């Protein structure tokens, strides 16, 4: 779920660059998106052990 949110934020950043949106908000979206994607890869899905 976090990876999807992160990828959406990164996509919004790319769209913002395409339309020459130069506010600081678009760069914050990039940073947050990258952090969410990296966090998702680090934590990953944990397998549950079956007794």
PDB file of N, CA and C in Angstrom:
ATOM      1  N   UNK A   1       0.821  -1.194   0.000  1.00  0.00           N
ATOM      2  CA  UNK A   1       0.000   0.000   0.000  1.00  0.00           C
ATOM      3  C   UNK A   1       0.864   1.257   0.000  1.00  0.00           C
ATOM      4  N   UNK A   2       1.911   1.256   0.822  1.00  0.00           N
ATOM      5  CA  UNK A   2       2.793   2.419   0.854  1.00  0.00           C
ATOM      6  C   UNK A   2       3.514   2.605  -0.467  1.00  0.00           C
ATOM      7  N   UNK A   3       3.860   1.502  -1.117  1.00  0.00           N
ATOM      8  CA  UNK A   3       4.549   1.605  -2.399  1.00  0.00           C
ATOM      9  C   UNK A   3       3.641   2.244  -3.440  1.00  0.00           C
ATOM     10  N   UNK A   4       2.361   1.924  -3.415  1.00  0.00           N
ATOM     11  CA  UNK A   4       1.427   2.507  -4.377  1.00  0.00           C
ATOM     12  C   UNK A   4       1.298   4.010  -4.142  1.00  0.00           C
ATOM     13  N   UNK A   5       1.181   4.404  -2.888  1.00  0.00           N
ATOM     14  CA  UNK A   5       1.092   5.829  -2.564  1.00  0.00           C
ATOM     15  C   UNK A   5       2.365   6.542  -3.002  1.00  0.00           C
ATOM     16  N   UNK A   6       3.508   5.918  -2.732  1.00  0.00           N
ATOM     17  CA  UNK A   6       4.779   6.509  -3.140  1.00  0.00           C
ATOM     18  C   UNK A   6       4.892   6.645  -4.644  1.00  0.00           C
ATOM     19  N   UNK A   7       4.469   5.634  -5.374  1.00  0.00           N
ATOM     20  CA  UNK A   7       4.536   5.700  -6.830  1.00  0.00           C
ATOM     21  C   UNK A   7       3.582   6.754  -7.388  1.00  0.00           C
ATOM     22  N   UNK A   8       2.427   6.909  -6.765  1.00  0.00           N
ATOM     23  CA  UNK A   8       1.501   7.959  -7.197  1.00  0.00           C
ATOM     24  C   UNK A   8       2.114   9.335  -6.968  1.00  0.00           C
ATOM     25  N   UNK A   9       2.758   9.535  -5.831  1.00  0.00           N
ATOM     26  CA  UNK A   9       3.397  10.814  -5.559  1.00  0.00           C
ATOM     27  C   UNK A   9       4.537  11.091  -6.524  1.00  0.00           C
ATOM     28  N   UNK A  10       5.298  10.062  -6.871  1.00  0.00           N
ATOM     29  CA  UNK A  10       6.380  10.238  -7.845  1.00  0.00           C
ATOM     30  C   UNK A  10       5.799  10.563  -9.219  1.00  0.00           C
ATOM     31  N   UNK A  11       4.702   9.902  -9.583  1.00  0.00           N
ATOM     32  CA  UNK A  11       4.051  10.197 -10.863  1.00  0.00           C
ATOM     33  C   UNK A  11       3.536  11.636 -10.880  1.00  0.00           C
ATOM     34  N   UNK A  12       2.969  12.098  -9.775  1.00  0.00           N
ATOM     35  CA  UNK A  12       2.514  13.482  -9.703  1.00  0.00           C
ATOM     36  C   UNK A  12       3.685  14.456  -9.843  1.00  0.00           C
ATOM     37  N   UNK A  13       4.828  14.089  -9.294  1.00  0.00           N
ATOM     38  CA  UNK A  13       6.012  14.928  -9.433  1.00  0.00           C
ATOM     39  C   UNK A  13       6.431  15.031 -10.886  1.00  0.00           C
ATOM     40  N   UNK A  14       6.423  13.908 -11.595  1.00  0.00           N
ATOM     41  CA  UNK A  14       6.800  13.913 -13.012  1.00  0.00           C
ATOM     42  C   UNK A  14       5.809  14.741 -13.821  1.00  0.00           C
ATOM     43  N   UNK A  15       4.521  14.588 -13.533  1.00  0.00           N
ATOM     44  CA  UNK A  15       3.505  15.385 -14.232  1.00  0.00           C
ATOM     45  C   UNK A  15       3.694  16.869 -13.925  1.00  0.00           C
ATOM     46  N   UNK A  16       4.017  17.178 -12.692  1.00  0.00           N
ATOM     47  CA  UNK A  16       4.261  18.572 -12.313  1.00  0.00           C
ATOM     48  C   UNK A  16       5.444  19.166 -13.054  1.00  0.00           C
ATOM     49  N   UNK A  17       6.474  18.383 -13.276  1.00  0.00           N
ATOM     50  CA  UNK A  17       7.615  18.876 -14.049  1.00  0.00           C
ATOM     51  C   UNK A  17       7.250  19.063 -15.514  1.00  0.00           C
ATOM     52  N   UNK A  18       6.401  18.183 -16.037  1.00  0.00           N
ATOM     53  CA  UNK A  18       5.994  18.296 -17.438  1.00  0.00           C
ATOM     54  C   UNK A  18       5.205  19.580 -17.686  1.00  0.00           C
ATOM     55  N   UNK A  19       4.428  20.008 -16.694  1.00  0.00           N
ATOM     56  CA  UNK A  19       3.626  21.222 -16.849  1.00  0.00           C
ATOM     57  C   UNK A  19       4.299  22.440 -16.226  1.00  0.00           C
ATOM     58  N   UNK A  20       5.581  22.327 -15.934  1.00  0.00           N
ATOM     59  CA  UNK A  20       6.396  23.427 -15.410  1.00  0.00           C
ATOM     60  C   UNK A  20       5.871  24.002 -14.094  1.00  0.00           C
ATOM     61  N   UNK A  21       5.414  23.119 -13.228  1.00  0.00           N
ATOM     62  CA  UNK A  21       5.019  23.550 -11.883  1.00  0.00           C
ATOM     63  C   UNK A  21       6.295  23.621 -11.061  1.00  0.00           C
ATOM     64  N   UNK A  22       6.641  24.800 -10.632  1.00  0.00           N
ATOM     65  CA  UNK A  22       7.932  24.965  -9.962  1.00  0.00           C
ATOM     66  C   UNK A  22       7.803  25.312  -8.486  1.00  0.00           C
ATOM     67  N   UNK A  23       6.666  25.023  -7.907  1.00  0.00           N
ATOM     68  CA  UNK A  23       6.523  25.308  -6.480  1.00  0.00           C
ATOM     69  C   UNK A  23       7.285  24.274  -5.660  1.00  0.00           C
ATOM     70  N   UNK A  24       7.540  24.601  -4.437  1.00  0.00           N
ATOM     71  CA  UNK A  24       8.244  23.680  -3.553  1.00  0.00           C
ATOM     72  C   UNK A  24       7.408  22.468  -3.196  1.00  0.00           C
ATOM     73  N   UNK A  25       6.091  22.584  -3.324  1.00  0.00           N
ATOM     74  CA  UNK A  25       5.201  21.488  -2.959  1.00  0.00           C
ATOM     75  C   UNK A  25       5.431  20.259  -3.820  1.00  0.00           C
ATOM     76  N   UNK A  26       5.731  20.457  -5.098  1.00  0.00           N
ATOM     77  CA  UNK A  26       5.935  19.320  -5.991  1.00  0.00           C
ATOM     78  C   UNK A  26       7.204  18.554  -5.602  1.00  0.00           C
ATOM     79  N   UNK A  27       8.201  19.247  -5.086  1.00  0.00           N
ATOM     80  CA  UNK A  27       9.430  18.575  -4.654  1.00  0.00           C
ATOM     81  C   UNK A  27       9.220  17.852  -3.327  1.00  0.00           C
ATOM     82  N   UNK A  28       8.355  18.390  -2.501  1.00  0.00           N
ATOM     83  CA  UNK A  28       8.014  17.694  -1.265  1.00  0.00           C
ATOM     84  C   UNK A  28       7.304  16.387  -1.589  1.00  0.00           C
ATOM     85  N   UNK A  29       6.438  16.403  -2.623  1.00  0.00           N
ATOM     86  CA  UNK A  29       5.762  15.175  -3.046  1.00  0.00           C
ATOM     87  C   UNK A  29       6.774  14.135  -3.507  1.00  0.00           C
ATOM     88  N   UNK A  30       7.820  14.567  -4.207  1.00  0.00           N
ATOM     89  CA  UNK A  30       8.863  13.637  -4.640  1.00  0.00           C
ATOM     90  C   UNK A  30       9.567  13.010  -3.451  1.00  0.00           C
ATOM     91  N   UNK A  31       9.961  13.823  -2.502  1.00  0.00           N
ATOM     92  CA  UNK A  31      10.690  13.318  -1.340  1.00  0.00           C
ATOM     93  C   UNK A  31       9.821  12.344  -0.538  1.00  0.00           C
ATOM     94  N   UNK A  32       8.570  12.702  -0.311  1.00  0.00           N
ATOM     95  CA  UNK A  32       7.675  11.828   0.443  1.00  0.00           C
ATOM     96  C   UNK A  32       7.450  10.526  -0.315  1.00  0.00           C
ATOM     97  N   UNK A  33       7.266  10.623  -1.627  1.00  0.00           N
ATOM     98  CA  UNK A  33       7.068   9.420  -2.435  1.00  0.00           C
ATOM     99  C   UNK A  33       8.263   8.496  -2.389  1.00  0.00           C
ATOM    100  N   UNK A  34       9.443   9.054  -2.515  1.00  0.00           N
ATOM    101  CA  UNK A  34      10.647   8.224  -2.462  1.00  0.00           C
ATOM    102  C   UNK A  34      10.819   7.583  -1.091  1.00  0.00           C
ATOM    103  N   UNK A  35      10.535   8.337  -0.044  1.00  0.00           N
ATOM    104  CA  UNK A  35      10.654   7.776   1.303  1.00  0.00           C
ATOM    105  C   UNK A  35       9.668   6.628   1.505  1.00  0.00           C
ATOM    106  N   UNK A  36       8.451   6.770   1.005  1.00  0.00           N
ATOM    107  CA  UNK A  36       7.473   5.699   1.163  1.00  0.00           C
ATOM    108  C   UNK A  36       7.871   4.451   0.394  1.00  0.00           C
ATOM    109  N   UNK A  37       8.396   4.626  -0.818  1.00  0.00           N
ATOM    110  CA  UNK A  37       8.817   3.475  -1.606  1.00  0.00           C
ATOM    111  C   UNK A  37      10.000   2.774  -0.935  1.00  0.00           C
ATOM    112  N   UNK A  38      10.966   3.536  -0.473  1.00  0.00           N
ATOM    113  CA  UNK A  38      12.135   2.953   0.196  1.00  0.00           C
ATOM    114  C   UNK A  38      11.709   2.253   1.487  1.00  0.00           C
ATOM    115  N   UNK A  39      10.819   2.880   2.250  1.00  0.00           N
ATOM    116  CA  UNK A  39      10.338   2.270   3.495  1.00  0.00           C
ATOM    117  C   UNK A  39       9.631   0.957   3.211  1.00  0.00           C
ATOM    118  N   UNK A  40       8.851   0.918   2.131  1.00  0.00           N
ATOM    119  CA  UNK A  40       8.137  -0.307   1.784  1.00  0.00           C
ATOM    120  C   UNK A  40       9.113  -1.416   1.395  1.00  0.00           C
ATOM    121  N   UNK A  41      10.165  -1.086   0.672  1.00  0.00           N
ATOM    122  CA  UNK A  41      11.141  -2.099   0.282  1.00  0.00           C
ATOM    123  C   UNK A  41      11.934  -2.606   1.478  1.00  0.00           C
ATOM    124  N   UNK A  42      12.218  -1.724   2.418  1.00  0.00           N
ATOM    125  CA  UNK A  42      12.990  -2.128   3.593  1.00  0.00           C
ATOM    126  C   UNK A  42      12.160  -3.041   4.489  1.00  0.00           C
ATOM    127  N   UNK A  43      10.924  -2.629   4.769  1.00  0.00           N
ATOM    128  CA  UNK A  43      10.107  -3.439   5.659  1.00  0.00           C
ATOM    129  C   UNK A  43       9.572  -4.668   4.947  1.00  0.00           C
ATOM    130  N   UNK A  44       9.093  -4.519   3.739  1.00  0.00           N
ATOM    131  CA  UNK A  44       8.600  -5.636   2.962  1.00  0.00           C
ATOM    132  C   UNK A  44       7.434  -6.332   3.637  1.00  0.00           C
ATOM    133  N   UNK A  45       7.019  -7.433   3.048  1.00  0.00           N
ATOM    134  CA  UNK A  45       5.960  -8.226   3.658  1.00  0.00           C
ATOM    135  C   UNK A  45       6.605  -9.291   4.523  1.00  0.00           C
ATOM    136  N   UNK A  46       6.097  -9.409   5.692  1.00  0.00           N
ATOM    137  CA  UNK A  46       6.628 -10.411   6.599  1.00  0.00           C
ATOM    138  C   UNK A  46       5.757 -11.652   6.509  1.00  0.00           C
ATOM    139  N   UNK A  47       6.400 -12.776   6.301  1.00  0.00           N
ATOM    140  CA  UNK A  47       5.660 -14.039   6.206  1.00  0.00           C
ATOM    141  C   UNK A  47       5.248 -14.480   7.611  1.00  0.00           C
ATOM    142  N   UNK A  48       4.060 -14.961   7.716  1.00  0.00           N
ATOM    143  CA  UNK A  48       3.614 -15.472   9.010  1.00  0.00           C
ATOM    144  C   UNK A  48       3.990 -16.940   9.107  1.00  0.00           C
ATOM    145  N   UNK A  49       4.466 -17.324  10.255  1.00  0.00           N
ATOM    146  CA  UNK A  49       4.871 -18.720  10.438  1.00  0.00           C
ATOM    147  C   UNK A  49       3.656 -19.557  10.830  1.00  0.00           C
ATOM    148  N   UNK A  50       3.547 -20.697  10.214  1.00  0.00           N
ATOM    149  CA  UNK A  50       2.453 -21.616  10.515  1.00  0.00           C
ATOM    150  C   UNK A  50       3.003 -22.723  11.401  1.00  0.00           C
ATOM    151  N   UNK A  51       2.377 -22.925  12.579  1.00  0.00           N
ATOM    152  CA  UNK A  51       2.930 -23.934  13.510  1.00  0.00           C
ATOM    153  C   UNK A  51       2.771 -25.353  13.008  1.00  0.00           C
TER     154      UNK A  51
END
